[in-house]
N, C-alpha and C. Protein backbone atom coordinates (compact mmCIF):
# COMPACT_ATOMS: atom_id res chain seq x y z
N MET A 1 0.85 -1.17 0.00
CA MET A 1 0.00 0.00 0.00
C MET A 1 0.89 1.24 0.00
N ASP A 2 0.49 2.21 -0.73
CA ASP A 2 1.29 3.43 -0.73
C ASP A 2 0.50 4.58 -0.10
N LYS A 3 1.19 5.67 0.09
CA LYS A 3 0.58 6.82 0.77
C LYS A 3 -0.59 7.40 0.00
N ALA A 4 -0.57 7.33 -1.33
CA ALA A 4 -1.68 7.87 -2.13
C ALA A 4 -2.97 7.11 -1.87
N MET A 5 -2.88 5.79 -1.71
CA MET A 5 -4.08 4.98 -1.42
C MET A 5 -4.66 5.35 -0.06
N LEU A 6 -3.80 5.50 0.93
CA LEU A 6 -4.27 5.87 2.26
C LEU A 6 -4.88 7.27 2.27
N GLU A 7 -4.29 8.18 1.51
CA GLU A 7 -4.83 9.54 1.41
C GLU A 7 -6.20 9.53 0.73
N ASP A 8 -6.36 8.69 -0.31
CA ASP A 8 -7.66 8.57 -0.96
C ASP A 8 -8.71 8.05 0.01
N GLN A 9 -8.33 7.08 0.85
CA GLN A 9 -9.27 6.55 1.84
C GLN A 9 -9.66 7.65 2.82
N ARG A 10 -8.70 8.43 3.29
CA ARG A 10 -9.00 9.53 4.22
C ARG A 10 -9.94 10.55 3.57
N THR A 11 -9.72 10.81 2.29
CA THR A 11 -10.57 11.77 1.57
C THR A 11 -12.00 11.26 1.49
N LEU A 12 -12.17 9.99 1.16
CA LEU A 12 -13.52 9.42 1.08
C LEU A 12 -14.22 9.44 2.44
N VAL A 13 -13.50 9.11 3.50
CA VAL A 13 -14.07 9.13 4.85
C VAL A 13 -14.49 10.56 5.20
N ALA A 14 -13.65 11.54 4.89
CA ALA A 14 -13.99 12.94 5.20
C ALA A 14 -15.23 13.38 4.44
N MET A 15 -15.37 12.96 3.18
CA MET A 15 -16.54 13.33 2.38
C MET A 15 -17.81 12.72 2.97
N ILE A 16 -17.74 11.48 3.40
CA ILE A 16 -18.90 10.82 3.97
C ILE A 16 -19.27 11.47 5.31
N GLU A 17 -18.27 11.74 6.14
CA GLU A 17 -18.55 12.38 7.43
C GLU A 17 -19.09 13.79 7.25
N ALA A 18 -18.68 14.48 6.21
CA ALA A 18 -19.19 15.83 5.94
C ALA A 18 -20.69 15.81 5.63
N GLU A 19 -21.20 14.68 5.18
CA GLU A 19 -22.64 14.55 4.89
C GLU A 19 -23.43 14.06 6.10
N GLY A 20 -22.78 13.97 7.27
CA GLY A 20 -23.49 13.60 8.48
C GLY A 20 -23.45 12.13 8.83
N TRP A 21 -22.66 11.36 8.11
CA TRP A 21 -22.55 9.93 8.39
C TRP A 21 -21.40 9.68 9.37
N GLU A 22 -21.52 8.62 10.16
CA GLU A 22 -20.45 8.20 11.05
C GLU A 22 -19.83 6.94 10.45
N VAL A 23 -18.57 7.02 10.07
CA VAL A 23 -17.88 5.87 9.50
C VAL A 23 -17.53 4.92 10.64
N THR A 24 -18.04 3.69 10.56
CA THR A 24 -17.83 2.72 11.63
C THR A 24 -16.82 1.64 11.25
N GLY A 25 -16.44 1.59 9.99
CA GLY A 25 -15.45 0.61 9.58
C GLY A 25 -14.84 0.99 8.24
N ALA A 26 -13.56 0.66 8.08
CA ALA A 26 -12.88 0.95 6.82
C ALA A 26 -11.88 -0.16 6.55
N GLU A 27 -11.87 -0.62 5.31
CA GLU A 27 -10.93 -1.66 4.90
C GLU A 27 -10.34 -1.27 3.55
N LEU A 28 -9.04 -1.27 3.46
CA LEU A 28 -8.34 -0.92 2.24
C LEU A 28 -7.54 -2.14 1.79
N THR A 29 -7.79 -2.60 0.57
CA THR A 29 -7.10 -3.74 0.01
C THR A 29 -6.36 -3.30 -1.24
N SER A 30 -5.09 -3.65 -1.32
CA SER A 30 -4.27 -3.31 -2.48
C SER A 30 -3.84 -4.61 -3.16
N TYR A 31 -3.93 -4.63 -4.48
CA TYR A 31 -3.57 -5.85 -5.22
C TYR A 31 -3.16 -5.49 -6.64
N ASP A 32 -2.48 -6.41 -7.29
CA ASP A 32 -2.15 -6.26 -8.70
C ASP A 32 -3.31 -6.78 -9.52
N SER A 33 -3.77 -6.00 -10.46
CA SER A 33 -4.93 -6.37 -11.25
C SER A 33 -4.60 -7.52 -12.20
N PRO A 34 -5.43 -8.55 -12.21
CA PRO A 34 -5.20 -9.65 -13.16
C PRO A 34 -5.69 -9.30 -14.57
N TRP A 35 -6.38 -8.14 -14.71
CA TRP A 35 -6.99 -7.78 -15.99
C TRP A 35 -6.12 -6.88 -16.84
N THR A 36 -5.07 -6.34 -16.25
CA THR A 36 -4.21 -5.45 -17.02
C THR A 36 -2.78 -5.97 -17.01
N ASP A 37 -2.02 -5.56 -17.99
CA ASP A 37 -0.63 -5.98 -18.09
C ASP A 37 0.32 -4.98 -17.41
N GLU A 38 -0.22 -3.99 -16.77
CA GLU A 38 0.58 -2.97 -16.12
C GLU A 38 1.03 -3.45 -14.75
N ASP A 39 2.08 -2.85 -14.24
CA ASP A 39 2.59 -3.19 -12.92
C ASP A 39 1.98 -2.32 -11.83
N ALA A 40 1.08 -1.42 -12.19
CA ALA A 40 0.47 -0.53 -11.21
C ALA A 40 -0.57 -1.29 -10.38
N PRO A 41 -0.49 -1.18 -9.07
CA PRO A 41 -1.48 -1.86 -8.23
C PRO A 41 -2.83 -1.14 -8.26
N GLU A 42 -3.86 -1.86 -7.89
CA GLU A 42 -5.20 -1.29 -7.75
C GLU A 42 -5.59 -1.37 -6.29
N ALA A 43 -6.57 -0.60 -5.91
CA ALA A 43 -7.03 -0.61 -4.53
C ALA A 43 -8.54 -0.73 -4.49
N GLU A 44 -9.01 -1.34 -3.43
CA GLU A 44 -10.44 -1.46 -3.18
C GLU A 44 -10.67 -0.99 -1.75
N ILE A 45 -11.59 -0.04 -1.60
CA ILE A 45 -11.89 0.51 -0.29
C ILE A 45 -13.33 0.14 0.06
N THR A 46 -13.49 -0.48 1.22
CA THR A 46 -14.82 -0.83 1.72
C THR A 46 -15.07 -0.01 2.98
N LEU A 47 -16.12 0.79 2.94
CA LEU A 47 -16.46 1.63 4.08
C LEU A 47 -17.83 1.23 4.61
N THR A 48 -17.97 1.24 5.92
CA THR A 48 -19.25 1.00 6.58
C THR A 48 -19.57 2.26 7.37
N ALA A 49 -20.79 2.75 7.19
CA ALA A 49 -21.18 3.99 7.87
C ALA A 49 -22.62 3.87 8.36
N ARG A 50 -22.93 4.67 9.35
CA ARG A 50 -24.28 4.69 9.88
C ARG A 50 -24.72 6.13 10.01
N LYS A 51 -26.04 6.33 9.90
CA LYS A 51 -26.61 7.66 10.04
C LYS A 51 -28.02 7.50 10.60
N PRO A 52 -28.26 8.00 11.81
CA PRO A 52 -29.61 7.91 12.37
C PRO A 52 -30.54 8.91 11.67
N TYR A 53 -31.74 8.49 11.42
CA TYR A 53 -32.75 9.36 10.81
C TYR A 53 -33.87 9.59 11.81
N GLY A 54 -34.46 10.74 11.76
CA GLY A 54 -35.57 11.06 12.66
C GLY A 54 -35.05 11.59 13.98
N ASP A 55 -35.97 12.15 14.74
CA ASP A 55 -35.65 12.72 16.04
C ASP A 55 -36.23 11.82 17.11
N ALA A 56 -35.49 11.50 18.13
CA ALA A 56 -35.97 10.63 19.21
C ALA A 56 -37.20 11.22 19.89
N ASP A 57 -37.27 12.56 19.98
CA ASP A 57 -38.43 13.20 20.61
C ASP A 57 -39.69 13.00 19.78
N GLU A 58 -39.55 12.99 18.45
CA GLU A 58 -40.71 12.76 17.59
C GLU A 58 -41.26 11.35 17.78
N GLU A 59 -40.37 10.36 17.88
CA GLU A 59 -40.81 8.98 18.06
C GLU A 59 -41.47 8.78 19.41
N ALA A 60 -40.99 9.48 20.43
CA ALA A 60 -41.55 9.34 21.78
C ALA A 60 -42.95 9.93 21.86
N GLY A 61 -43.34 10.77 20.92
CA GLY A 61 -44.64 11.42 20.96
C GLY A 61 -45.77 10.56 20.41
N ASP A 62 -45.51 9.31 20.08
CA ASP A 62 -46.52 8.42 19.53
C ASP A 62 -47.31 7.79 20.68
N ASP A 63 -48.24 8.56 21.29
CA ASP A 63 -49.01 8.08 22.44
C ASP A 63 -50.17 7.19 22.03
N ASP A 64 -50.47 7.07 20.76
CA ASP A 64 -51.59 6.25 20.33
C ASP A 64 -51.22 4.77 20.25
N ASN A 65 -49.98 4.44 20.49
CA ASN A 65 -49.54 3.05 20.44
C ASN A 65 -50.06 2.31 21.67
N PRO A 66 -50.93 1.28 21.49
CA PRO A 66 -51.51 0.59 22.65
C PRO A 66 -50.48 -0.28 23.39
N TYR A 67 -49.34 -0.53 22.79
CA TYR A 67 -48.33 -1.38 23.40
C TYR A 67 -47.27 -0.58 24.17
N ARG A 68 -47.33 0.76 24.10
CA ARG A 68 -46.36 1.58 24.80
C ARG A 68 -46.74 1.69 26.27
N LEU A 69 -45.75 1.47 27.15
CA LEU A 69 -45.98 1.62 28.58
C LEU A 69 -45.99 3.10 28.94
N LYS A 70 -46.92 3.48 29.78
CA LYS A 70 -47.02 4.88 30.19
C LYS A 70 -46.70 5.02 31.65
């Protein structure tokens, strides 16, 4: 792995976090491509992120639910 691959991963993480997501996992794999005759390696980045939607106060206001304990 070279520094450019790691910098690209950091850039992608920053872009995702800027949109309000929390990155919970990152995996960077570097390999030589079997499809090209070049000696340049390729990289694959797998990111896992989570983002909560809705407001907890809005969900708590559902008093019509017969199964909710009061």
